[in-house]
């Protein structure tokens, strides 16, 4: 994440450094990313919101997890792509009236 151009850092609580250390300690300093039932286990360097603030997530410990930088970038990129994707309409297309043809 390019923090220099991001406004997300400003949305973190003032005690984020304390929270970050607490979450990394809780997760034993290991990445918690799960793939095919196995935990990554690489050294965790980042603390990530499971549910982003933009989707109603909080800074509560239950919404935070430790990730290695590779998995954090992967997750953030996927969230960014999903946010830019146009919404899918679940309505049937409106049938045009024969007089409009």
PDB file of N, CA and C in Angstrom:
ATOM      1  N   UNK A   1       0.845  -1.187   0.000  1.00  0.00           N
ATOM      2  CA  UNK A   1       0.000   0.000   0.000  1.00  0.00           C
ATOM      3  C   UNK A   1       0.876   1.231   0.000  1.00  0.00           C
ATOM      4  N   UNK A   2       0.592   2.152  -0.864  1.00  0.00           N
ATOM      5  CA  UNK A   2       1.336   3.400  -0.918  1.00  0.00           C
ATOM      6  C   UNK A   2       0.723   4.378   0.079  1.00  0.00           C
ATOM      7  N   UNK A   3       1.232   4.356   1.295  1.00  0.00           N
ATOM      8  CA  UNK A   3       0.665   5.201   2.354  1.00  0.00           C
ATOM      9  C   UNK A   3       0.810   6.678   2.035  1.00  0.00           C
ATOM     10  N   UNK A   4       1.807   7.041   1.223  1.00  0.00           N
ATOM     11  CA  UNK A   4       2.032   8.453   0.927  1.00  0.00           C
ATOM     12  C   UNK A   4       0.838   9.091   0.231  1.00  0.00           C
ATOM     13  N   UNK A   5       0.128   8.329  -0.589  1.00  0.00           N
ATOM     14  CA  UNK A   5      -0.991   8.878  -1.340  1.00  0.00           C
ATOM     15  C   UNK A   5      -2.347   8.446  -0.788  1.00  0.00           C
ATOM     16  N   UNK A   6      -2.352   7.756   0.339  1.00  0.00           N
ATOM     17  CA  UNK A   6      -3.597   7.230   0.892  1.00  0.00           C
ATOM     18  C   UNK A   6      -4.114   8.113   2.025  1.00  0.00           C
ATOM     19  N   UNK A   7      -5.440   8.143   2.151  1.00  0.00           N
ATOM     20  CA  UNK A   7      -6.063   8.868   3.267  1.00  0.00           C
ATOM     21  C   UNK A   7      -6.482   7.900   4.369  1.00  0.00           C
ATOM     22  N   UNK A   8      -6.233   6.601   4.171  1.00  0.00           N
ATOM     23  CA  UNK A   8      -6.699   5.604   5.134  1.00  0.00           C
ATOM     24  C   UNK A   8      -5.950   5.670   6.462  1.00  0.00           C
ATOM     25  N   UNK A   9      -4.692   6.065   6.439  1.00  0.00           N
ATOM     26  CA  UNK A   9      -3.929   6.146   7.685  1.00  0.00           C
ATOM     27  C   UNK A   9      -4.593   7.116   8.659  1.00  0.00           C
ATOM     28  N   UNK A  10      -5.170   8.192   8.144  1.00  0.00           N
ATOM     29  CA  UNK A  10      -5.828   9.181   9.004  1.00  0.00           C
ATOM     30  C   UNK A  10      -7.057   8.597   9.696  1.00  0.00           C
ATOM     31  N   UNK A  11      -7.628   7.528   9.157  1.00  0.00           N
ATOM     32  CA  UNK A  11      -8.824   6.933   9.765  1.00  0.00           C
ATOM     33  C   UNK A  11      -8.488   5.942  10.879  1.00  0.00           C
ATOM     34  N   UNK A  12      -7.208   5.644  11.072  1.00  0.00           N
ATOM     35  CA  UNK A  12      -6.817   4.716  12.134  1.00  0.00           C
ATOM     36  C   UNK A  12      -6.873   5.425  13.483  1.00  0.00           C
ATOM     37  N   UNK A  13      -7.148   4.671  14.542  1.00  0.00           N
ATOM     38  CA  UNK A  13      -7.206   5.301  15.861  1.00  0.00           C
ATOM     39  C   UNK A  13      -5.823   5.794  16.289  1.00  0.00           C
ATOM     40  N   UNK A  14      -5.774   6.785  17.175  1.00  0.00           N
ATOM     41  CA  UNK A  14      -4.485   7.339  17.600  1.00  0.00           C
ATOM     42  C   UNK A  14      -3.565   6.308  18.253  1.00  0.00           C
ATOM     43  N   UNK A  15      -4.144   5.282  18.870  1.00  0.00           N
ATOM     44  CA  UNK A  15      -3.319   4.264  19.534  1.00  0.00           C
ATOM     45  C   UNK A  15      -3.044   3.061  18.618  1.00  0.00           C
ATOM     46  N   UNK A  16      -3.066   3.273  17.294  1.00  0.00           N
ATOM     47  CA  UNK A  16      -2.847   2.188  16.345  1.00  0.00           C
ATOM     48  C   UNK A  16      -1.541   1.429  16.593  1.00  0.00           C
ATOM     49  N   UNK A  17      -0.421   2.108  16.900  1.00  0.00           N
ATOM     50  CA  UNK A  17       0.816   1.357  17.152  1.00  0.00           C
ATOM     51  C   UNK A  17       0.673   0.341  18.291  1.00  0.00           C
ATOM     52  N   UNK A  18      -0.077   0.698  19.331  1.00  0.00           N
ATOM     53  CA  UNK A  18      -0.306  -0.222  20.457  1.00  0.00           C
ATOM     54  C   UNK A  18      -1.191  -1.386  20.012  1.00  0.00           C
ATOM     55  N   UNK A  19      -2.252  -1.071  19.266  1.00  0.00           N
ATOM     56  CA  UNK A  19      -3.161  -2.106  18.762  1.00  0.00           C
ATOM     57  C   UNK A  19      -2.398  -3.059  17.841  1.00  0.00           C
ATOM     58  N   UNK A  20      -1.575  -2.510  16.961  1.00  0.00           N
ATOM     59  CA  UNK A  20      -0.807  -3.316  16.014  1.00  0.00           C
ATOM     60  C   UNK A  20       0.076  -4.334  16.728  1.00  0.00           C
ATOM     61  N   UNK A  21       0.804  -3.882  17.744  1.00  0.00           N
ATOM     62  CA  UNK A  21       1.673  -4.792  18.502  1.00  0.00           C
ATOM     63  C   UNK A  21       0.834  -5.861  19.197  1.00  0.00           C
ATOM     64  N   UNK A  22      -0.318  -5.471  19.748  1.00  0.00           N
ATOM     65  CA  UNK A  22      -1.185  -6.427  20.438  1.00  0.00           C
ATOM     66  C   UNK A  22      -1.675  -7.521  19.488  1.00  0.00           C
ATOM     67  N   UNK A  23      -2.069  -7.152  18.269  1.00  0.00           N
ATOM     68  CA  UNK A  23      -2.582  -8.131  17.302  1.00  0.00           C
ATOM     69  C   UNK A  23      -1.451  -9.028  16.805  1.00  0.00           C
ATOM     70  N   UNK A  24      -0.291  -8.454  16.516  1.00  0.00           N
ATOM     71  CA  UNK A  24       0.847  -9.272  16.074  1.00  0.00           C
ATOM     72  C   UNK A  24       1.245 -10.267  17.171  1.00  0.00           C
ATOM     73  N   UNK A  25       1.202  -9.838  18.422  1.00  0.00           N
ATOM     74  CA  UNK A  25       1.516 -10.728  19.548  1.00  0.00           C
ATOM     75  C   UNK A  25       0.462 -11.819  19.677  1.00  0.00           C
ATOM     76  N   UNK A  26      -0.808 -11.433  19.577  1.00  0.00           N
ATOM     77  CA  UNK A  26      -1.906 -12.412  19.667  1.00  0.00           C
ATOM     78  C   UNK A  26      -1.757 -13.507  18.622  1.00  0.00           C
ATOM     79  N   UNK A  27      -1.373 -13.111  17.405  1.00  0.00           N
ATOM     80  CA  UNK A  27      -1.248 -14.064  16.297  1.00  0.00           C
ATOM     81  C   UNK A  27       0.152 -14.678  16.219  1.00  0.00           C
ATOM     82  N   UNK A  28       0.923 -14.506  17.252  1.00  0.00           N
ATOM     83  CA  UNK A  28       2.258 -15.105  17.395  1.00  0.00           C
ATOM     84  C   UNK A  28       3.217 -14.672  16.287  1.00  0.00           C
ATOM     85  N   UNK A  29       3.004 -13.470  15.758  1.00  0.00           N
ATOM     86  CA  UNK A  29       3.902 -12.929  14.748  1.00  0.00           C
ATOM     87  C   UNK A  29       3.853 -13.650  13.418  1.00  0.00           C
ATOM     88  N   UNK A  30       2.815 -14.447  13.198  1.00  0.00           N
ATOM     89  CA  UNK A  30       2.696 -15.241  11.966  1.00  0.00           C
ATOM     90  C   UNK A  30       1.488 -14.798  11.147  1.00  0.00           C
ATOM     91  N   UNK A  31       1.623 -14.904   9.838  1.00  0.00           N
ATOM     92  CA  UNK A  31       0.532 -14.578   8.920  1.00  0.00           C
ATOM     93  C   UNK A  31      -0.626 -15.554   9.133  1.00  0.00           C
ATOM     94  N   UNK A  32      -1.834 -15.013   9.199  1.00  0.00           N
ATOM     95  CA  UNK A  32      -3.020 -15.841   9.455  1.00  0.00           C
ATOM     96  C   UNK A  32      -3.783 -16.212   8.186  1.00  0.00           C
ATOM     97  N   UNK A  33      -3.266 -15.838   7.016  1.00  0.00           N
ATOM     98  CA  UNK A  33      -3.941 -16.138   5.744  1.00  0.00           C
ATOM     99  C   UNK A  33      -4.135 -17.640   5.621  1.00  0.00           C
ATOM    100  N   UNK A  34      -5.346 -18.058   5.292  1.00  0.00           N
ATOM    101  CA  UNK A  34      -5.658 -19.473   5.130  1.00  0.00           C
ATOM    102  C   UNK A  34      -5.835 -19.800   3.656  1.00  0.00           C
ATOM    103  N   UNK A  35      -5.239 -20.925   3.240  1.00  0.00           N
ATOM    104  CA  UNK A  35      -5.385 -21.401   1.866  1.00  0.00           C
ATOM    105  C   UNK A  35      -5.446 -22.922   1.912  1.00  0.00           C
ATOM    106  N   UNK A  36      -6.530 -23.453   1.381  1.00  0.00           N
ATOM    107  CA  UNK A  36      -6.745 -24.903   1.357  1.00  0.00           C
ATOM    108  C   UNK A  36      -6.584 -25.516   2.752  1.00  0.00           C
ATOM    109  N   UNK A  37      -7.137 -24.825   3.740  1.00  0.00           N
ATOM    110  CA  UNK A  37      -7.138 -25.337   5.104  1.00  0.00           C
ATOM    111  C   UNK A  37      -5.822 -25.199   5.849  1.00  0.00           C
ATOM    112  N   UNK A  38      -4.844 -24.539   5.239  1.00  0.00           N
ATOM    113  CA  UNK A  38      -3.542 -24.368   5.886  1.00  0.00           C
ATOM    114  C   UNK A  38      -3.252 -22.885   6.080  1.00  0.00           C
ATOM    115  N   UNK A  39      -2.645 -22.575   7.220  1.00  0.00           N
ATOM    116  CA  UNK A  39      -2.267 -21.205   7.530  1.00  0.00           C
ATOM    117  C   UNK A  39      -0.921 -20.892   6.874  1.00  0.00           C
ATOM    118  N   UNK A  40      -0.768 -19.693   6.348  1.00  0.00           N
ATOM    119  CA  UNK A  40       0.459 -19.290   5.665  1.00  0.00           C
ATOM    120  C   UNK A  40       1.670 -19.480   6.586  1.00  0.00           C
ATOM    121  N   UNK A  41       1.665 -18.843   7.741  1.00  0.00           N
ATOM    122  CA  UNK A  41       2.736 -19.022   8.701  1.00  0.00           C
ATOM    123  C   UNK A  41       3.983 -18.191   8.482  1.00  0.00           C
ATOM    124  N   UNK A  42       4.061 -17.422   7.391  1.00  0.00           N
ATOM    125  CA  UNK A  42       5.206 -16.536   7.201  1.00  0.00           C
ATOM    126  C   UNK A  42       5.194 -15.472   8.291  1.00  0.00           C
ATOM    127  N   UNK A  43       6.271 -14.740   8.435  1.00  0.00           N
ATOM    128  CA  UNK A  43       6.354 -13.678   9.430  1.00  0.00           C
ATOM    129  C   UNK A  43       5.343 -12.584   9.082  1.00  0.00           C
ATOM    130  N   UNK A  44       4.512 -12.232  10.041  1.00  0.00           N
ATOM    131  CA  UNK A  44       3.517 -11.179   9.846  1.00  0.00           C
ATOM    132  C   UNK A  44       4.173  -9.823  10.077  1.00  0.00           C
ATOM    133  N   UNK A  45       3.955  -8.919   9.145  1.00  0.00           N
ATOM    134  CA  UNK A  45       4.479  -7.561   9.265  1.00  0.00           C
ATOM    135  C   UNK A  45       3.369  -6.524   9.283  1.00  0.00           C
ATOM    136  N   UNK A  46       2.168  -6.929   8.900  1.00  0.00           N
ATOM    137  CA  UNK A  46       1.047  -5.996   8.763  1.00  0.00           C
ATOM    138  C   UNK A  46      -0.151  -6.467   9.579  1.00  0.00           C
ATOM    139  N   UNK A  47      -0.942  -5.502  10.032  1.00  0.00           N
ATOM    140  CA  UNK A  47      -2.217  -5.805  10.673  1.00  0.00           C
ATOM    141  C   UNK A  47      -3.301  -5.254   9.765  1.00  0.00           C
ATOM    142  N   UNK A  48      -4.258  -6.099   9.439  1.00  0.00           N
ATOM    143  CA  UNK A  48      -5.277  -5.766   8.451  1.00  0.00           C
ATOM    144  C   UNK A  48      -6.671  -5.878   9.049  1.00  0.00           C
ATOM    145  N   UNK A  49      -7.574  -5.033   8.549  1.00  0.00           N
ATOM    146  CA  UNK A  49      -8.984  -5.116   8.919  1.00  0.00           C
ATOM    147  C   UNK A  49      -9.635  -6.229   8.094  1.00  0.00           C
ATOM    148  N   UNK A  50     -10.271  -7.171   8.745  1.00  0.00           N
ATOM    149  CA  UNK A  50     -10.958  -8.259   8.041  1.00  0.00           C
ATOM    150  C   UNK A  50     -12.108  -7.673   7.230  1.00  0.00           C
ATOM    151  N   UNK A  51     -12.944  -6.883   7.881  1.00  0.00           N
ATOM    152  CA  UNK A  51     -13.999  -6.129   7.198  1.00  0.00           C
ATOM    153  C   UNK A  51     -13.514  -4.677   7.162  1.00  0.00           C
ATOM    154  N   UNK A  52     -13.278  -4.124   5.973  1.00  0.00           N
ATOM    155  CA  UNK A  52     -12.744  -2.760   5.873  1.00  0.00           C
ATOM    156  C   UNK A  52     -13.684  -1.714   6.486  1.00  0.00           C
ATOM    157  N   UNK A  53     -13.093  -0.589   6.892  1.00  0.00           N
ATOM    158  CA  UNK A  53     -13.906   0.523   7.408  1.00  0.00           C
ATOM    159  C   UNK A  53     -14.993   0.900   6.415  1.00  0.00           C
ATOM    160  N   UNK A  54     -14.657   0.882   5.133  1.00  0.00           N
ATOM    161  CA  UNK A  54     -15.609   1.297   4.093  1.00  0.00           C
ATOM    162  C   UNK A  54     -16.847   0.402   4.032  1.00  0.00           C
ATOM    163  N   UNK A  55     -16.746  -0.798   4.613  1.00  0.00           N
ATOM    164  CA  UNK A  55     -17.881  -1.718   4.628  1.00  0.00           C
ATOM    165  C   UNK A  55     -18.435  -1.896   6.036  1.00  0.00           C
ATOM    166  N   UNK A  56     -18.124  -0.960   6.919  1.00  0.00           N
ATOM    167  CA  UNK A  56     -18.671  -0.999   8.269  1.00  0.00           C
ATOM    168  C   UNK A  56     -17.785  -1.689   9.291  1.00  0.00           C
ATOM    169  N   UNK A  57     -16.562  -2.048   8.924  1.00  0.00           N
ATOM    170  CA  UNK A  57     -15.647  -2.702   9.855  1.00  0.00           C
ATOM    171  C   UNK A  57     -15.170  -1.745  10.938  1.00  0.00           C
ATOM    172  N   UNK A  58     -14.765  -2.311  12.053  1.00  0.00           N
ATOM    173  CA  UNK A  58     -14.304  -1.526  13.188  1.00  0.00           C
ATOM    174  C   UNK A  58     -12.824  -1.805  13.468  1.00  0.00           C
ATOM    175  N   UNK A  59     -12.292  -1.105  14.453  1.00  0.00           N
ATOM    176  CA  UNK A  59     -10.914  -1.315  14.885  1.00  0.00           C
ATOM    177  C   UNK A  59     -10.850  -2.277  16.063  1.00  0.00           C
ATOM    178  N   UNK A  60     -11.931  -2.996  16.326  1.00  0.00           N
ATOM    179  CA  UNK A  60     -11.962  -3.964  17.419  1.00  0.00           C
ATOM    180  C   UNK A  60     -11.045  -5.137  17.086  1.00  0.00           C
ATOM    181  N   UNK A  61     -10.420  -5.713  18.100  1.00  0.00           N
ATOM    182  CA  UNK A  61      -9.489  -6.828  17.893  1.00  0.00           C
ATOM    183  C   UNK A  61     -10.086  -7.971  17.078  1.00  0.00           C
ATOM    184  N   UNK A  62     -11.372  -8.211  17.232  1.00  0.00           N
ATOM    185  CA  UNK A  62     -12.007  -9.317  16.511  1.00  0.00           C
ATOM    186  C   UNK A  62     -12.074  -9.058  15.007  1.00  0.00           C
ATOM    187  N   UNK A  63     -11.872  -7.813  14.579  1.00  0.00           N
ATOM    188  CA  UNK A  63     -11.895  -7.472  13.163  1.00  0.00           C
ATOM    189  C   UNK A  63     -10.490  -7.235  12.606  1.00  0.00           C
ATOM    190  N   UNK A  64      -9.477  -7.599  13.377  1.00  0.00           N
ATOM    191  CA  UNK A  64      -8.094  -7.378  12.951  1.00  0.00           C
ATOM    192  C   UNK A  64      -7.352  -8.699  12.879  1.00  0.00           C
ATOM    193  N   UNK A  65      -6.446  -8.805  11.913  1.00  0.00           N
ATOM    194  CA  UNK A  65      -5.658 -10.018  11.756  1.00  0.00           C
ATOM    195  C   UNK A  65      -4.261  -9.669  11.265  1.00  0.00           C
ATOM    196  N   UNK A  66      -3.313 -10.533  11.552  1.00  0.00           N
ATOM    197  CA  UNK A  66      -1.924 -10.341  11.131  1.00  0.00           C
ATOM    198  C   UNK A  66      -1.705 -10.999   9.770  1.00  0.00           C
ATOM    199  N   UNK A  67      -1.039 -10.265   8.883  1.00  0.00           N
ATOM    200  CA  UNK A  67      -0.743 -10.793   7.553  1.00  0.00           C
ATOM    201  C   UNK A  67       0.705 -10.501   7.187  1.00  0.00           C
ATOM    202  N   UNK A  68       1.283 -11.376   6.378  1.00  0.00           N
ATOM    203  CA  UNK A  68       2.595 -11.068   5.793  1.00  0.00           C
ATOM    204  C   UNK A  68       2.339  -9.991   4.732  1.00  0.00           C
ATOM    205  N   UNK A  69       3.372  -9.287   4.339  1.00  0.00           N
ATOM    206  CA  UNK A  69       3.176  -8.186   3.398  1.00  0.00           C
ATOM    207  C   UNK A  69       2.643  -8.680   2.049  1.00  0.00           C
ATOM    208  N   UNK A  70       3.036  -9.893   1.617  1.00  0.00           N
ATOM    209  CA  UNK A  70       2.567 -10.422   0.339  1.00  0.00           C
ATOM    210  C   UNK A  70       1.051 -10.635   0.361  1.00  0.00           C
ATOM    211  N   UNK A  71       0.555 -11.288   1.404  1.00  0.00           N
ATOM    212  CA  UNK A  71      -0.887 -11.539   1.480  1.00  0.00           C
ATOM    213  C   UNK A  71      -1.667 -10.249   1.730  1.00  0.00           C
ATOM    214  N   UNK A  72      -1.090  -9.302   2.458  1.00  0.00           N
ATOM    215  CA  UNK A  72      -1.773  -8.032   2.685  1.00  0.00           C
ATOM    216  C   UNK A  72      -1.950  -7.284   1.364  1.00  0.00           C
ATOM    217  N   UNK A  73      -0.893  -7.248   0.544  1.00  0.00           N
ATOM    218  CA  UNK A  73      -1.003  -6.596  -0.768  1.00  0.00           C
ATOM    219  C   UNK A  73      -2.028  -7.313  -1.645  1.00  0.00           C
ATOM    220  N   UNK A  74      -2.019  -8.630  -1.615  1.00  0.00           N
ATOM    221  CA  UNK A  74      -2.959  -9.421  -2.422  1.00  0.00           C
ATOM    222  C   UNK A  74      -4.407  -9.126  -2.018  1.00  0.00           C
ATOM    223  N   UNK A  75      -4.672  -9.114  -0.713  1.00  0.00           N
ATOM    224  CA  UNK A  75      -6.026  -8.851  -0.213  1.00  0.00           C
ATOM    225  C   UNK A  75      -6.461  -7.425  -0.547  1.00  0.00           C
ATOM    226  N   UNK A  76      -5.580  -6.450  -0.334  1.00  0.00           N
ATOM    227  CA  UNK A  76      -5.905  -5.055  -0.614  1.00  0.00           C
ATOM    228  C   UNK A  76      -6.171  -4.830  -2.097  1.00  0.00           C
ATOM    229  N   UNK A  77      -5.387  -5.469  -2.953  1.00  0.00           N
ATOM    230  CA  UNK A  77      -5.590  -5.327  -4.397  1.00  0.00           C
ATOM    231  C   UNK A  77      -6.945  -5.897  -4.808  1.00  0.00           C
ATOM    232  N   UNK A  78      -7.308  -7.044  -4.254  1.00  0.00           N
ATOM    233  CA  UNK A  78      -8.599  -7.661  -4.576  1.00  0.00           C
ATOM    234  C   UNK A  78      -9.753  -6.771  -4.121  1.00  0.00           C
ATOM    235  N   UNK A  79      -9.613  -6.160  -2.943  1.00  0.00           N
ATOM    236  CA  UNK A  79     -10.660  -5.263  -2.451  1.00  0.00           C
ATOM    237  C   UNK A  79     -10.769  -4.024  -3.332  1.00  0.00           C
ATOM    238  N   UNK A  80      -9.626  -3.513  -3.785  1.00  0.00           N
ATOM    239  CA  UNK A  80      -9.642  -2.350  -4.667  1.00  0.00           C
ATOM    240  C   UNK A  80     -10.297  -2.646  -6.001  1.00  0.00           C
ATOM    241  N   UNK A  81      -9.995  -3.810  -6.568  1.00  0.00           N
ATOM    242  CA  UNK A  81     -10.625  -4.206  -7.829  1.00  0.00           C
ATOM    243  C   UNK A  81     -12.133  -4.373  -7.654  1.00  0.00           C
ATOM    244  N   UNK A  82     -12.550  -4.968  -6.547  1.00  0.00           N
ATOM    245  CA  UNK A  82     -13.979  -5.169  -6.294  1.00  0.00           C
ATOM    246  C   UNK A  82     -14.699  -3.833  -6.127  1.00  0.00           C
ATOM    247  N   UNK A  83     -14.032  -2.861  -5.504  1.00  0.00           N
ATOM    248  CA  UNK A  83     -14.653  -1.555  -5.297  1.00  0.00           C
ATOM    249  C   UNK A  83     -14.833  -0.799  -6.604  1.00  0.00           C
ATOM    250  N   UNK A  84     -13.951  -1.036  -7.567  1.00  0.00           N
ATOM    251  CA  UNK A  84     -14.044  -0.344  -8.854  1.00  0.00           C
ATOM    252  C   UNK A  84     -14.955  -1.045  -9.853  1.00  0.00           C
ATOM    253  N   UNK A  85     -15.322  -2.289  -9.568  1.00  0.00           N
ATOM    254  CA  UNK A  85     -16.180  -3.056 -10.475  1.00  0.00           C
ATOM    255  C   UNK A  85     -17.595  -2.478 -10.425  1.00  0.00           C
ATOM    256  N   UNK A  86     -18.226  -2.283 -11.587  1.00  0.00           N
ATOM    257  CA  UNK A  86     -19.593  -1.760 -11.566  1.00  0.00           C
ATOM    258  C   UNK A  86     -20.550  -2.754 -10.908  1.00  0.00           C
ATOM    259  N   UNK A  87     -21.545  -2.238 -10.204  1.00  0.00           N
ATOM    260  CA  UNK A  87     -22.493  -3.146  -9.545  1.00  0.00           C
ATOM    261  C   UNK A  87     -23.279  -3.962 -10.562  1.00  0.00           C
ATOM    262  N   UNK A  88     -23.587  -5.176 -10.182  1.00  0.00           N
ATOM    263  CA  UNK A  88     -24.351  -6.072 -11.041  1.00  0.00           C
ATOM    264  C   UNK A  88     -25.829  -5.901 -10.726  1.00  0.00           C
ATOM    265  N   UNK A  89     -26.613  -5.653 -11.747  1.00  0.00           N
ATOM    266  CA  UNK A  89     -28.052  -5.497 -11.560  1.00  0.00           C
ATOM    267  C   UNK A  89     -28.712  -6.871 -11.503  1.00  0.00           C
ATOM    268  N   UNK A  90     -29.591  -7.053 -10.565  1.00  0.00           N
ATOM    269  CA  UNK A  90     -30.310  -8.323 -10.440  1.00  0.00           C
ATOM    270  C   UNK A  90     -31.714  -8.227 -11.042  1.00  0.00           C
ATOM    271  N   UNK A  91     -32.001  -7.103 -11.679  1.00  0.00           N
ATOM    272  CA  UNK A  91     -33.309  -6.931 -12.312  1.00  0.00           C
ATOM    273  C   UNK A  91     -33.243  -7.412 -13.758  1.00  0.00           C
ATOM    274  N   UNK A  92     -34.358  -7.957 -14.190  1.00  0.00           N
ATOM    275  CA  UNK A  92     -34.438  -8.342 -15.597  1.00  0.00           C
ATOM    276  C   UNK A  92     -34.431  -7.085 -16.451  1.00  0.00           C
ATOM    277  N   UNK A  93     -33.820  -7.170 -17.630  1.00  0.00           N
ATOM    278  CA  UNK A  93     -33.845  -5.996 -18.513  1.00  0.00           C
ATOM    279  C   UNK A  93     -35.296  -5.665 -18.880  1.00  0.00           C
ATOM    280  N   UNK A  94     -35.603  -4.398 -18.951  1.00  0.00           N
ATOM    281  CA  UNK A  94     -36.945  -3.951 -19.300  1.00  0.00           C
ATOM    282  C   UNK A  94     -37.207  -4.252 -20.760  1.00  0.00           C
ATOM    283  N   UNK A  95     -38.346  -4.894 -21.004  1.00  0.00           N
ATOM    284  CA  UNK A  95     -38.718  -5.177 -22.390  1.00  0.00           C
ATOM    285  C   UNK A  95     -39.240  -3.894 -23.014  1.00  0.00           C
ATOM    286  N   UNK A  96     -38.750  -3.665 -24.197  1.00  0.00           N
ATOM    287  CA  UNK A  96     -39.209  -2.459 -24.903  1.00  0.00           C
ATOM    288  C   UNK A  96     -40.589  -2.703 -25.472  1.00  0.00           C
ATOM    289  N   UNK A  97     -41.402  -1.700 -25.400  1.00  0.00           N
ATOM    290  CA  UNK A  97     -42.757  -1.758 -25.945  1.00  0.00           C
ATOM    291  C   UNK A  97     -42.640  -1.794 -27.477  1.00  0.00           C
ATOM    292  N   UNK A  98     -43.483  -2.576 -28.132  1.00  0.00           N
ATOM    293  CA  UNK A  98     -43.411  -2.653 -29.604  1.00  0.00           C
ATOM    294  C   UNK A  98     -43.476  -1.295 -30.285  1.00  0.00           C
ATOM    295  N   UNK A  99     -44.134  -0.333 -29.663  1.00  0.00           N
ATOM    296  CA  UNK A  99     -44.226   0.991 -30.257  1.00  0.00           C
ATOM    297  C   UNK A  99     -42.903   1.743 -30.190  1.00  0.00           C
ATOM    298  N   UNK A 100     -42.000   1.321 -29.320  1.00  0.00           N
ATOM    299  CA  UNK A 100     -40.701   1.994 -29.191  1.00  0.00           C
ATOM    300  C   UNK A 100     -39.682   1.471 -30.194  1.00  0.00           C
ATOM    301  N   UNK A 101     -39.981   0.352 -30.835  1.00  0.00           N
ATOM    302  CA  UNK A 101     -39.014  -0.266 -31.755  1.00  0.00           C
ATOM    303  C   UNK A 101     -38.910   0.494 -32.996  1.00  0.00           C
TER     304      UNK A 101
END
